[in-house]
Amino acid sequence: MASWAQELEQKRLSDRPCLEWTVRAFAAHSLELAGSAHPDGSRIVLVDGVATPLGGRQLTAEEIPEGM
């Protein structure tokens, strides 16, 4: 089991940047749900009209909000 410090570090490095990117993308109207689904039944998310793969996508360094 991860220690509390490890959990906080994971949130800082992964969860927080992902959440912040998602909120910004919603605000910019860059996200939408496709009418189709992945093989597992989860809805396909479009980012600027491009379908994301099953399991999501990796943020690039340029997409991670400053200070993260």
Protein backbone atom coordinates (compact mmCIF):
# COMPACT_ATOMS: atom_id res chain seq x y z
CA MET A 1 0.00 0.00 0.00
CA ALA A 2 1.27 3.46 -0.91
CA SER A 3 2.17 5.89 1.80
CA TRP A 4 0.23 9.13 2.20
CA ALA A 5 3.22 11.09 0.84
CA GLN A 6 3.36 8.86 -2.25
CA GLU A 7 -0.36 9.33 -2.79
CA LEU A 8 -0.05 13.12 -2.57
CA GLU A 9 2.87 13.08 -5.01
CA GLN A 10 0.82 10.99 -7.47
CA LYS A 11 -2.00 13.51 -7.29
CA ARG A 12 0.43 16.39 -7.88
CA LEU A 13 2.12 14.72 -10.86
CA SER A 14 -0.85 13.06 -12.52
CA ASP A 15 -4.32 13.68 -11.16
CA ARG A 16 -4.11 17.45 -10.73
CA PRO A 17 -2.67 18.24 -14.20
CA CYS A 18 -5.23 15.93 -15.83
CA LEU A 19 -8.13 17.53 -13.98
CA GLU A 20 -6.90 21.04 -14.74
CA TRP A 21 -6.41 20.21 -18.44
CA THR A 22 -9.92 18.72 -18.62
CA VAL A 23 -11.56 21.76 -17.02
CA ARG A 24 -9.69 24.08 -19.41
CA ALA A 25 -10.63 21.92 -22.42
CA PHE A 26 -14.32 21.94 -21.41
CA ALA A 27 -14.21 25.72 -20.99
CA ALA A 28 -12.64 26.06 -24.45
CA HIS A 29 -15.34 23.78 -25.95
CA SER A 30 -12.63 21.35 -27.11
CA LEU A 31 -14.32 18.21 -25.71
CA GLU A 32 -17.42 16.36 -26.83
CA LEU A 33 -18.85 12.86 -26.69
CA ALA A 34 -19.10 10.87 -29.90
CA GLY A 35 -22.24 8.92 -30.70
CA SER A 36 -20.21 5.72 -30.76
CA ALA A 37 -18.47 3.69 -28.07
CA HIS A 38 -15.24 1.76 -27.53
CA PRO A 39 -15.39 -2.07 -27.51
CA ASP A 40 -15.79 -1.99 -23.70
CA GLY A 41 -18.92 0.15 -24.04
CA SER A 42 -17.38 3.42 -22.78
CA ARG A 43 -18.27 6.50 -24.80
CA ILE A 44 -15.63 7.89 -27.14
CA VAL A 45 -14.43 11.36 -26.19
CA LEU A 46 -13.43 13.73 -28.98
CA VAL A 47 -10.69 16.31 -28.39
CA ASP A 48 -10.91 19.03 -31.03
CA GLY A 49 -12.88 16.57 -33.16
CA VAL A 50 -10.36 13.71 -32.86
CA ALA A 51 -11.35 10.49 -31.09
CA THR A 52 -9.32 9.50 -28.05
CA PRO A 53 -8.13 5.89 -27.75
CA LEU A 54 -9.56 3.47 -25.24
CA GLY A 55 -7.92 4.35 -21.92
CA GLY A 56 -7.50 8.03 -22.79
CA ARG A 57 -4.43 9.87 -23.92
CA GLN A 58 -1.10 11.01 -22.53
CA LEU A 59 -0.77 14.76 -21.97
CA THR A 60 2.24 16.36 -23.61
CA ALA A 61 4.52 18.69 -21.65
CA GLU A 62 2.98 21.65 -23.53
CA GLU A 63 -0.53 20.67 -22.36
CA ILE A 64 0.32 20.43 -18.67
CA PRO A 65 -0.65 23.66 -16.91
CA GLU A 66 2.26 25.82 -15.77
CA GLY A 67 3.46 25.22 -12.25
CA MET A 68 2.52 21.53 -12.17
